[in-house]
C-alpha atoms as a PDB file:
ATOM      1  CA  MET A   1       0.055   0.081   0.032  1.00  0.00           C
ATOM      2  CA  ARG A   2       2.864   2.300   1.123  1.00  0.00           C
ATOM      3  CA  THR A   3       4.475   1.801  -2.229  1.00  0.00           C
ATOM      4  CA  LYS A   4       1.436   2.498  -4.523  1.00  0.00           C
ATOM      5  CA  ASN A   5       1.270   5.823  -2.688  1.00  0.00           C
ATOM      6  CA  ILE A   6       4.597   6.586  -3.538  1.00  0.00           C
ATOM      7  CA  LEU A   7       4.526   5.469  -7.071  1.00  0.00           C
ATOM      8  CA  THR A   8       1.362   7.500  -7.357  1.00  0.00           C
ATOM      9  CA  LEU A   9       3.170  10.943  -5.633  1.00  0.00           C
ATOM     10  CA  VAL A  10       5.688  10.042  -8.039  1.00  0.00           C
ATOM     11  CA  LEU A  11       3.543   9.827 -11.229  1.00  0.00           C
ATOM     12  CA  ILE A  12       1.728  13.302 -10.052  1.00  0.00           C
ATOM     13  CA  GLY A  13       5.029  15.069  -9.352  1.00  0.00           C
ATOM     14  CA  ALA A  14       6.196  13.654 -13.130  1.00  0.00           C
ATOM     15  CA  ALA A  15       2.811  15.060 -14.571  1.00  0.00           C
ATOM     16  CA  LEU A  16       3.586  18.562 -13.186  1.00  0.00           C
ATOM     17  CA  LEU A  17       6.864  18.607 -13.999  1.00  0.00           C
ATOM     18  CA  VAL A  18       5.327  17.837 -17.860  1.00  0.00           C
ATOM     19  CA  ALA A  19       2.877  20.219 -17.299  1.00  0.00           C
ATOM     20  CA  LEU A  20       5.088  22.879 -16.242  1.00  0.00           C
ATOM     21  CA  ILE A  21       7.562  22.349 -18.699  1.00  0.00           C
ATOM     22  CA  LEU A  22       4.781  22.398 -21.661  1.00  0.00           C
ATOM     23  CA  VAL A  23       3.302  25.579 -20.035  1.00  0.00           C
ATOM     24  CA  SER A  24       6.721  27.352 -19.795  1.00  0.00           C
ATOM     25  CA  SER A  25       7.242  26.442 -23.425  1.00  0.00           C
ATOM     26  CA  SER A  26       3.943  27.497 -24.955  1.00  0.00           C
ATOM     27  CA  LEU A  27       4.630  31.167 -23.079  1.00  0.00           C
ATOM     28  CA  TYR A  28       6.553  33.940 -24.617  1.00  0.00           C
ATOM     29  CA  VAL A  29       7.123  37.619 -24.049  1.00  0.00           C
ATOM     30  CA  VAL A  30       7.220  40.112 -26.502  1.00  0.00           C
ATOM     31  CA  GLN A  31       8.701  44.021 -24.885  1.00  0.00           C
ATOM     32  CA  GLN A  32       8.208  46.759 -26.072  1.00  0.00           C
ATOM     33  CA  ASN A  33      11.346  47.429 -27.995  1.00  0.00           C
ATOM     34  CA  GLU A  34      11.291  44.630 -29.814  1.00  0.00           C
ATOM     35  CA  TYR A  35       9.159  41.986 -32.441  1.00  0.00           C
ATOM     36  CA  GLY A  36       8.494  38.829 -31.593  1.00  0.00           C
ATOM     37  CA  VAL A  37       9.115  36.302 -34.579  1.00  0.00           C
ATOM     38  CA  VAL A  38       7.370  32.730 -34.207  1.00  0.00           C
ATOM     39  CA  LEU A  39       9.342  30.152 -36.329  1.00  0.00           C
ATOM     40  CA  GLU A  40       7.810  26.776 -37.359  1.00  0.00           C
ATOM     41  CA  PHE A  41      10.017  24.324 -38.689  1.00  0.00           C
ATOM     42  CA  GLY A  42      12.552  27.214 -39.658  1.00  0.00           C
ATOM     43  CA  ALA A  43       9.796  29.411 -41.423  1.00  0.00           C
ATOM     44  CA  VAL A  44       8.030  32.735 -39.867  1.00  0.00           C
ATOM     45  CA  LYS A  45       4.634  31.564 -38.736  1.00  0.00           C
ATOM     46  CA  GLU A  46       3.680  34.875 -37.102  1.00  0.00           C
ATOM     47  CA  ILE A  47       5.043  37.684 -35.923  1.00  0.00           C
ATOM     48  CA  LYS A  48       3.957  39.854 -32.696  1.00  0.00           C
ATOM     49  CA  ALA A  49       4.562  43.676 -32.972  1.00  0.00           C
ATOM     50  CA  GLU A  50       2.542  44.667 -29.878  1.00  0.00           C
ATOM     51  CA  PRO A  51       4.244  44.121 -26.189  1.00  0.00           C
ATOM     52  CA  GLY A  52       2.536  41.205 -24.341  1.00  0.00           C
ATOM     53  CA  LEU A  53       2.584  37.811 -23.164  1.00  0.00           C
ATOM     54  CA  TYR A  54       1.940  35.213 -26.244  1.00  0.00           C
ATOM     55  CA  PHE A  55       1.074  31.274 -26.592  1.00  0.00           C
ATOM     56  CA  LYS A  56       3.018  29.470 -29.240  1.00  0.00           C
ATOM     57  CA  MET A  57       2.942  25.337 -29.919  1.00  0.00           C
ATOM     58  CA  PRO A  58       5.670  23.781 -27.664  1.00  0.00           C
ATOM     59  CA  PHE A  59       8.650  22.076 -29.367  1.00  0.00           C
ATOM     60  CA  VAL A  60       7.087  22.557 -32.796  1.00  0.00           C
ATOM     61  CA  GLN A  61       7.553  26.502 -32.452  1.00  0.00           C
ATOM     62  CA  SER A  62      10.381  28.408 -31.402  1.00  0.00           C
ATOM     63  CA  VAL A  63      10.796  32.275 -30.771  1.00  0.00           C
ATOM     64  CA  THR A  64      13.339  34.740 -31.834  1.00  0.00           C
ATOM     65  CA  THR A  65      13.173  38.743 -31.756  1.00  0.00           C
ATOM     66  CA  LEU A  66      14.161  41.366 -33.935  1.00  0.00           C
ATOM     67  CA  PRO A  67      14.886  45.043 -32.418  1.00  0.00           C
ATOM     68  CA  LYS A  68      11.954  47.217 -32.675  1.00  0.00           C
ATOM     69  CA  THR A  69      14.022  50.672 -31.999  1.00  0.00           C
ATOM     70  CA  VAL A  70      15.964  53.170 -33.830  1.00  0.00           C
ATOM     71  CA  LEU A  71      19.389  51.906 -35.100  1.00  0.00           C
ATOM     72  CA  LEU A  72      22.754  53.672 -35.661  1.00  0.00           C
ATOM     73  CA  TYR A  73      25.122  52.011 -38.048  1.00  0.00           C
ATOM     74  CA  ASP A  74      28.202  54.385 -38.473  1.00  0.00           C
ATOM     75  CA  LEU A  75      29.991  54.049 -41.873  1.00  0.00           C
ATOM     76  CA  PRO A  76      33.630  53.882 -42.263  1.00  0.00           C
ATOM     77  CA  ILE A  77      35.818  56.865 -42.699  1.00  0.00           C
ATOM     78  CA  SER A  78      36.445  57.423 -46.658  1.00  0.00           C
ATOM     79  CA  ASP A  79      37.666  59.303 -49.129  1.00  0.00           C
ATOM     80  CA  VAL A  80      35.658  61.009 -51.580  1.00  0.00           C
ATOM     81  CA  ILE A  81      36.336  62.859 -54.866  1.00  0.00           C
ATOM     82  CA  THR A  82      34.573  66.173 -55.993  1.00  0.00           C
ATOM     83  CA  ALA A  83      33.354  66.879 -59.411  1.00  0.00           C
ATOM     84  CA  ASP A  84      36.176  69.056 -59.791  1.00  0.00           C
ATOM     85  CA  LYS A  85      38.383  66.293 -58.597  1.00  0.00           C
ATOM     86  CA  HIS A  86      39.574  67.146 -55.166  1.00  0.00           C
ATOM     87  CA  SER A  87      39.703  64.692 -52.470  1.00  0.00           C
ATOM     88  CA  MET A  88      37.508  64.892 -49.196  1.00  0.00           C
ATOM     89  CA  VAL A  89      37.365  62.944 -46.088  1.00  0.00           C
ATOM     90  CA  LEU A  90      34.093  61.655 -45.530  1.00  0.00           C
ATOM     91  CA  ASP A  91      32.724  60.192 -41.906  1.00  0.00           C
ATOM     92  CA  SER A  92      28.764  59.847 -41.831  1.00  0.00           C
ATOM     93  CA  PHE A  93      26.387  57.574 -39.931  1.00  0.00           C
ATOM     94  CA  THR A  94      22.996  56.198 -40.739  1.00  0.00           C
ATOM     95  CA  MET A  95      19.969  56.172 -38.840  1.00  0.00           C
ATOM     96  CA  TRP A  96      17.461  52.994 -39.394  1.00  0.00           C
ATOM     97  CA  ARG A  97      14.808  50.814 -38.361  1.00  0.00           C
ATOM     98  CA  ILE A  98      12.947  47.467 -39.158  1.00  0.00           C
ATOM     99  CA  ASP A  99       9.724  48.012 -40.989  1.00  0.00           C
ATOM    100  CA  ASP A 100       8.732  44.651 -42.382  1.00  0.00           C
ATOM    101  CA  PRO A 101       9.794  42.121 -39.880  1.00  0.00           C
ATOM    102  CA  ARG A 102       9.065  39.276 -42.167  1.00  0.00           C
ATOM    103  CA  LEU A 103      10.492  40.755 -45.333  1.00  0.00           C
ATOM    104  CA  PHE A 104      13.758  41.559 -43.336  1.00  0.00           C
ATOM    105  CA  ILE A 105      14.271  37.677 -42.472  1.00  0.00           C
ATOM    106  CA  GLU A 106      13.133  36.598 -45.651  1.00  0.00           C
ATOM    107  CA  SER A 107      15.730  38.687 -47.601  1.00  0.00           C
ATOM    108  CA  LEU A 108      18.607  39.415 -44.778  1.00  0.00           C
ATOM    109  CA  SER A 109      17.987  36.299 -42.681  1.00  0.00           C
ATOM    110  CA  GLY A 110      17.114  38.627 -39.770  1.00  0.00           C
ATOM    111  CA  SER A 111      20.703  39.079 -39.683  1.00  0.00           C
ATOM    112  CA  GLN A 112      21.615  42.827 -38.207  1.00  0.00           C
ATOM    113  CA  TYR A 113      25.321  41.981 -39.878  1.00  0.00           C
ATOM    114  CA  ASN A 114      23.559  41.501 -43.434  1.00  0.00           C
ATOM    115  CA  ALA A 115      21.390  44.686 -42.773  1.00  0.00           C
ATOM    116  CA  GLU A 116      24.533  46.695 -42.169  1.00  0.00           C
ATOM    117  CA  SER A 117      26.389  45.351 -45.174  1.00  0.00           C
ATOM    118  CA  ARG A 118      23.822  46.324 -47.359  1.00  0.00           C
ATOM    119  CA  ILE A 119      23.415  49.498 -45.525  1.00  0.00           C
ATOM    120  CA  ASN A 120      27.153  50.129 -45.673  1.00  0.00           C
ATOM    121  CA  ALA A 121      27.193  49.919 -49.699  1.00  0.00           C
ATOM    122  CA  ILE A 122      24.224  51.225 -50.750  1.00  0.00           C
ATOM    123  CA  VAL A 123      24.469  54.744 -48.903  1.00  0.00           C
ATOM    124  CA  TYR A 124      28.264  54.698 -49.210  1.00  0.00           C
ATOM    125  CA  ASN A 125      27.273  54.319 -53.126  1.00  0.00           C
ATOM    126  CA  ALA A 126      24.407  57.350 -52.618  1.00  0.00           C
ATOM    127  CA  LEU A 127      27.133  59.386 -50.834  1.00  0.00           C
ATOM    128  CA  LYS A 128      29.565  59.383 -53.510  1.00  0.00           C
ATOM    129  CA  THR A 129      27.258  59.806 -56.278  1.00  0.00           C
ATOM    130  CA  VAL A 130      25.909  62.877 -54.835  1.00  0.00           C
ATOM    131  CA  ILE A 131      29.133  64.459 -53.791  1.00  0.00           C
ATOM    132  CA  SER A 132      30.889  63.580 -57.124  1.00  0.00           C
ATOM    133  CA  SER A 133      28.459  65.790 -59.043  1.00  0.00           C
ATOM    134  CA  GLN A 134      29.494  68.798 -56.876  1.00  0.00           C
ATOM    135  CA  ASN A 135      32.113  71.419 -56.853  1.00  0.00           C
ATOM    136  CA  GLN A 136      34.385  70.986 -53.967  1.00  0.00           C
ATOM    137  CA  GLU A 137      33.604  75.091 -53.336  1.00  0.00           C
ATOM    138  CA  ALA A 138      29.581  73.878 -53.099  1.00  0.00           C
ATOM    139  CA  ILE A 139      30.338  71.456 -50.583  1.00  0.00           C
ATOM    140  CA  ILE A 140      32.492  73.546 -48.731  1.00  0.00           C
ATOM    141  CA  SER A 141      30.137  76.022 -48.529  1.00  0.00           C
ATOM    142  CA  GLY A 142      26.543  74.309 -48.978  1.00  0.00           C
ATOM    143  CA  ARG A 143      26.430  72.424 -45.466  1.00  0.00           C
ATOM    144  CA  ASP A 144      23.041  73.460 -44.871  1.00  0.00           C
ATOM    145  CA  GLY A 145      21.283  69.651 -45.529  1.00  0.00           C
ATOM    146  CA  LEU A 146      21.578  69.985 -49.232  1.00  0.00           C
ATOM    147  CA  ILE A 147      24.238  67.224 -49.442  1.00  0.00           C
ATOM    148  CA  VAL A 148      21.686  64.748 -46.902  1.00  0.00           C
ATOM    149  CA  SER A 149      18.866  65.814 -48.976  1.00  0.00           C
ATOM    150  CA  LEU A 150      20.522  64.847 -52.514  1.00  0.00           C
ATOM    151  CA  VAL A 151      21.384  61.243 -50.763  1.00  0.00           C
ATOM    152  CA  MET A 152      18.255  60.720 -49.401  1.00  0.00           C
ATOM    153  CA  GLN A 153      16.761  61.030 -52.980  1.00  0.00           C
ATOM    154  CA  ASN A 154      19.406  59.118 -54.485  1.00  0.00           C
ATOM    155  CA  ILE A 155      18.956  56.338 -51.944  1.00  0.00           C
ATOM    156  CA  GLY A 156      14.899  56.295 -52.636  1.00  0.00           C
ATOM    157  CA  SER A 157      13.295  53.035 -52.664  1.00  0.00           C
ATOM    158  CA  SER A 158      16.569  51.023 -52.521  1.00  0.00           C
ATOM    159  CA  PHE A 159      15.723  49.410 -48.936  1.00  0.00           C
ATOM    160  CA  ASP A 160      12.423  48.346 -49.418  1.00  0.00           C
ATOM    161  CA  ARG A 161      13.301  45.104 -50.585  1.00  0.00           C
ATOM    162  CA  TYR A 162      14.870  44.453 -47.355  1.00  0.00           C
ATOM    163  CA  GLY A 163      12.177  45.184 -45.155  1.00  0.00           C
ATOM    164  CA  ILE A 164      14.487  48.681 -43.945  1.00  0.00           C
ATOM    165  CA  GLU A 165      13.358  52.229 -43.748  1.00  0.00           C
ATOM    166  CA  ILE A 166      16.390  54.690 -43.577  1.00  0.00           C
ATOM    167  CA  LEU A 167      15.351  57.392 -41.090  1.00  0.00           C
ATOM    168  CA  ALA A 168      18.276  59.669 -41.916  1.00  0.00           C
ATOM    169  CA  VAL A 169      21.598  59.756 -43.188  1.00  0.00           C
ATOM    170  CA  GLU A 170      24.166  62.426 -41.407  1.00  0.00           C
ATOM    171  CA  THR A 171      27.796  63.631 -42.126  1.00  0.00           C
ATOM    172  CA  LYS A 172      29.828  64.244 -39.169  1.00  0.00           C
ATOM    173  CA  THR A 173      32.635  65.108 -41.276  1.00  0.00           C
ATOM    174  CA  LEU A 174      33.055  66.181 -44.570  1.00  0.00           C
ATOM    175  CA  ASP A 175      36.217  68.026 -45.220  1.00  0.00           C
ATOM    176  CA  LEU A 176      39.266  68.406 -46.552  1.00  0.00           C
ATOM    177  CA  PRO A 177      42.418  66.395 -45.968  1.00  0.00           C
ATOM    178  CA  ASP A 178      44.843  68.186 -43.680  1.00  0.00           C
ATOM    179  CA  ASP A 179      47.581  68.454 -45.963  1.00  0.00           C
ATOM    180  CA  ASN A 180      45.735  70.837 -48.744  1.00  0.00           C
ATOM    181  CA  LYS A 181      42.883  72.366 -46.246  1.00  0.00           C
ATOM    182  CA  ASP A 182      44.872  75.584 -45.636  1.00  0.00           C
ATOM    183  CA  ALA A 183      45.672  76.320 -49.383  1.00  0.00           C
ATOM    184  CA  VAL A 184      42.065  75.425 -50.427  1.00  0.00           C
ATOM    185  CA  TYR A 185      40.369  78.178 -47.430  1.00  0.00           C
ATOM    186  CA  THR A 186      43.282  80.488 -48.694  1.00  0.00           C
ATOM    187  CA  ARG A 187      42.206  80.456 -52.321  1.00  0.00           C
ATOM    188  CA  MET A 188      38.678  80.849 -51.436  1.00  0.00           C
ATOM    189  CA  ILE A 189      39.238  83.351 -49.310  1.00  0.00           C
ATOM    190  CA  SER A 190      41.156  85.418 -51.789  1.00  0.00           C
ATOM    191  CA  GLU A 191      38.042  84.490 -54.419  1.00  0.00           C
ATOM    192  CA  ARG A 192      35.670  85.750 -51.977  1.00  0.00           C
ATOM    193  CA  ASN A 193      37.626  89.085 -51.313  1.00  0.00           C
ATOM    194  CA  ASN A 194      38.042  89.388 -55.320  1.00  0.00           C
ATOM    195  CA  ILE A 195      34.133  89.105 -55.712  1.00  0.00           C
ATOM    196  CA  ALA A 196      33.697  91.277 -52.884  1.00  0.00           C
ATOM    197  CA  ALA A 197      35.601  94.326 -54.405  1.00  0.00           C
ATOM    198  CA  SER A 198      33.840  93.996 -57.587  1.00  0.00           C
ATOM    199  CA  TYR A 199      30.666  94.193 -55.960  1.00  0.00           C
ATOM    200  CA  THR A 200      32.411  97.350 -54.186  1.00  0.00           C
ATOM    201  CA  ALA A 201      33.454  98.654 -57.516  1.00  0.00           C
ATOM    202  CA  GLU A 202      29.793  98.199 -58.965  1.00  0.00           C
ATOM    203  CA  GLY A 203      28.084  99.727 -56.092  1.00  0.00           C
ATOM    204  CA  ASN A 204      30.588 102.782 -56.258  1.00  0.00           C
ATOM    205  CA  ALA A 205      30.193 103.442 -59.861  1.00  0.00           C
ATOM    206  CA  ASP A 206      26.334 102.909 -59.699  1.00  0.00           C
ATOM    207  CA  ALA A 207      26.595 105.783 -56.541  1.00  0.00           C
ATOM    208  CA  LYS A 208      28.640 107.986 -58.449  1.00  0.00           C
ATOM    209  CA  GLN A 209      25.684 107.720 -61.686  1.00  0.00           C
ATOM    210  CA  ILE A 210      22.916 108.098 -59.098  1.00  0.00           C
ATOM    211  CA  ARG A 211      25.001 111.798 -57.349  1.00  0.00           C
ATOM    212  CA  ASN A 212      25.796 112.803 -60.821  1.00  0.00           C
ATOM    213  CA  ALA A 213      21.688 112.609 -61.953  1.00  0.00           C
ATOM    214  CA  ALA A 214      20.575 114.083 -58.541  1.00  0.00           C
ATOM    215  CA  ASP A 215      23.275 117.020 -59.086  1.00  0.00           C
ATOM    216  CA  ARG A 216      22.042 117.475 -62.700  1.00  0.00           C
ATOM    217  CA  GLN A 217      18.412 117.715 -61.483  1.00  0.00           C
ATOM    218  CA  VAL A 218      19.113 120.041 -58.814  1.00  0.00           C
ATOM    219  CA  GLU A 219      20.683 122.287 -61.284  1.00  0.00           C
ATOM    220  CA  VAL A 220      17.758 122.199 -63.551  1.00  0.00           C
ATOM    221  CA  THR A 221      15.909 122.778 -60.814  1.00  0.00           C
ATOM    222  CA  LEU A 222      17.535 125.957 -59.678  1.00  0.00           C
ATOM    223  CA  SER A 223      17.628 127.001 -63.267  1.00  0.00           C
ATOM    224  CA  GLU A 224      13.951 127.102 -63.206  1.00  0.00           C
ATOM    225  CA  ALA A 225      13.336 128.245 -60.079  1.00  0.00           C
ATOM    226  CA  GLN A 226      15.857 131.423 -60.879  1.00  0.00           C
ATOM    227  CA  ALA A 227      14.161 131.969 -64.282  1.00  0.00           C
ATOM    228  CA  ALA A 228      10.487 131.585 -62.530  1.00  0.00           C
ATOM    229  CA  ALA A 229      11.940 134.229 -59.622  1.00  0.00           C
ATOM    230  CA  GLU A 230      13.036 136.666 -62.615  1.00  0.00           C
ATOM    231  CA  THR A 231       9.756 136.360 -64.535  1.00  0.00           C
ATOM    232  CA  ILE A 232       7.976 137.035 -61.273  1.00  0.00           C
ATOM    233  CA  ARG A 233      10.354 139.671 -60.522  1.00  0.00           C
ATOM    234  CA  ALA A 234       9.680 141.560 -63.913  1.00  0.00           C
ATOM    235  CA  GLU A 235       6.217 141.249 -63.729  1.00  0.00           C
ATOM    236  CA  GLY A 236       5.663 142.897 -60.514  1.00  0.00           C
ATOM    237  CA  ASP A 237       8.314 145.575 -61.616  1.00  0.00           C
ATOM    238  CA  ALA A 238       5.676 146.078 -64.184  1.00  0.00           C
ATOM    239  CA  GLU A 239       2.735 145.867 -62.601  1.00  0.00           C
ATOM    240  CA  TYR A 240       4.618 148.519 -59.676  1.00  0.00           C
ATOM    241  CA  MET A 241       4.976 151.156 -63.003  1.00  0.00           C
ATOM    242  CA  ARG A 242       1.678 150.642 -64.041  1.00  0.00           C
ATOM    243  CA  ILE A 243       0.531 151.370 -60.643  1.00  0.00           C
ATOM    244  CA  LEU A 244       2.345 154.465 -60.495  1.00  0.00           C
ATOM    245  CA  SER A 245       1.472 155.569 -63.431  1.00  0.00           C
ATOM    246  CA  GLU A 246      -2.128 155.587 -62.712  1.00  0.00           C
ATOM    247  CA  VAL A 247      -1.536 156.976 -59.283  1.00  0.00           C
ATOM    248  CA  TYR A 248       0.899 159.976 -60.766  1.00  0.00           C
ATOM    249  CA  ASP A 249      -0.836 160.857 -64.104  1.00  0.00           C
ATOM    250  CA  THR A 250      -1.096 164.432 -63.624  1.00  0.00           C
ATOM    251  CA  GLY A 251       1.666 166.924 -63.574  1.00  0.00           C
ATOM    252  CA  ASP A 252       0.956 168.341 -59.982  1.00  0.00           C
ATOM    253  CA  GLU A 253       1.132 163.995 -58.912  1.00  0.00           C
ATOM    254  CA  ALA A 254       4.090 163.862 -60.506  1.00  0.00           C
ATOM    255  CA  ASP A 255       5.937 166.752 -58.959  1.00  0.00           C
ATOM    256  CA  PHE A 256       4.666 165.603 -55.254  1.00  0.00           C
ATOM    257  CA  TYR A 257       6.289 161.777 -56.254  1.00  0.00           C
ATOM    258  CA  THR A 258       9.388 163.305 -57.324  1.00  0.00           C
ATOM    259  CA  PHE A 259       9.434 165.753 -54.111  1.00  0.00           C
ATOM    260  CA  MET A 260       8.757 162.768 -51.908  1.00  0.00           C
ATOM    261  CA  ILE A 261      11.659 160.596 -53.540  1.00  0.00           C
ATOM    262  CA  ALA A 262      14.391 163.648 -53.075  1.00  0.00           C
ATOM    263  CA  LEU A 263      13.252 163.749 -49.423  1.00  0.00           C
ATOM    264  CA  ASP A 264      14.203 160.083 -49.309  1.00  0.00           C
ATOM    265  CA  ALA A 265      17.586 160.513 -51.231  1.00  0.00           C
ATOM    266  CA  LEU A 266      18.112 163.509 -48.377  1.00  0.00           C
ATOM    267  CA  LYS A 267      17.187 161.502 -45.280  1.00  0.00           C
ATOM    268  CA  ASN A 268      19.544 158.802 -46.655  1.00  0.00           C
ATOM    269  CA  SER A 269      22.398 160.856 -47.237  1.00  0.00           C
ATOM    270  CA  MET A 270      22.346 162.413 -43.682  1.00  0.00           C
ATOM    271  CA  THR A 271      24.212 159.681 -42.194  1.00  0.00           C
ATOM    272  CA  GLY A 272      26.974 159.474 -39.618  1.00  0.00           C
ATOM    273  CA  GLU A 273      28.218 162.586 -37.649  1.00  0.00           C
ATOM    274  CA  GLU A 274      28.556 164.663 -40.945  1.00  0.00           C
ATOM    275  CA  LYS A 275      25.543 166.738 -41.338  1.00  0.00           C
ATOM    276  CA  THR A 276      26.941 169.258 -44.006  1.00  0.00           C
ATOM    277  CA  LEU A 277      26.055 168.670 -47.860  1.00  0.00           C
ATOM    278  CA  ILE A 278      27.111 170.492 -51.067  1.00  0.00           C
ATOM    279  CA  LEU A 279      24.891 169.916 -53.281  1.00  0.00           C
ATOM    280  CA  ASP A 280      24.584 171.324 -57.282  1.00  0.00           C
ATOM    281  CA  ALA A 281      21.870 174.354 -58.217  1.00  0.00           C
ATOM    282  CA  SER A 282      20.710 171.731 -60.438  1.00  0.00           C
ATOM    283  CA  SER A 283      20.332 169.077 -57.624  1.00  0.00           C
ATOM    284  CA  PRO A 284      16.597 167.881 -56.880  1.00  0.00           C
ATOM    285  CA  ILE A 285      17.127 168.158 -53.735  1.00  0.00           C
ATOM    286  CA  ALA A 286      18.622 171.172 -53.668  1.00  0.00           C
ATOM    287  CA  LYS A 287      15.501 172.539 -55.320  1.00  0.00           C
ATOM    288  CA  LEU A 288      13.494 171.759 -52.008  1.00  0.00           C
ATOM    289  CA  PHE A 289      15.134 174.632 -50.356  1.00  0.00           C
ATOM    290  CA  TYR A 290      13.839 177.473 -52.960  1.00  0.00           C
END
């Protein structure tokens, strides 16, 4: 009886152990930052993109994971040649992620190493193509995202067949080799100075033309103003003489006018401390006293 009880306990323990193994091999957890890939006899059976606890068939199905986060691949430093046959040093990196896990596994065996090999080849070729189409001066002075934008356009949909999305391609260094950097910068500074001098000369010539035109306009305006003033003055004098002729149109009035003019002349001549006048008898002023 005792032996039977022991055997029963052993069987129950074994059953529990088998059940535990079956349950543990049937459950798997998918984290927030990964894809869960269920394989059945080596083929992709199912892909879980949402985090949580899932079931699979024990012993028949297996589970592997792929990163769901943004990945960084640092391309090796290399030399590139510009359109004007100058050498430049390129150091760049790529930000990428797995967009289609099933296609990623089918095309690249789910290997991140294989993916980085494709990225290295395709991105480097795109960088080399874009840089080889630009002059060295344009590359040095145009580091405002234009090169990166052209590279992304050149890559296009090259990675779609691998289930990969390229998020960004950035250059850490795109510069001249140290042995000719100073000479190139000196040449560029000299060219910029020549351009600046040309612009300054053109500006001075334009300014001189504007000043000359303004001076001519001032002279014309002053001449026209003086002519108008002379015309107005002549018209005023004519009007003045007309009024006088109307006022002094008789002999008595004319004599009175002559008398007033003589008084004004006498008043104007009696200036200073000397009050003695020597006049000719025929002087209009002398006629005032007789």
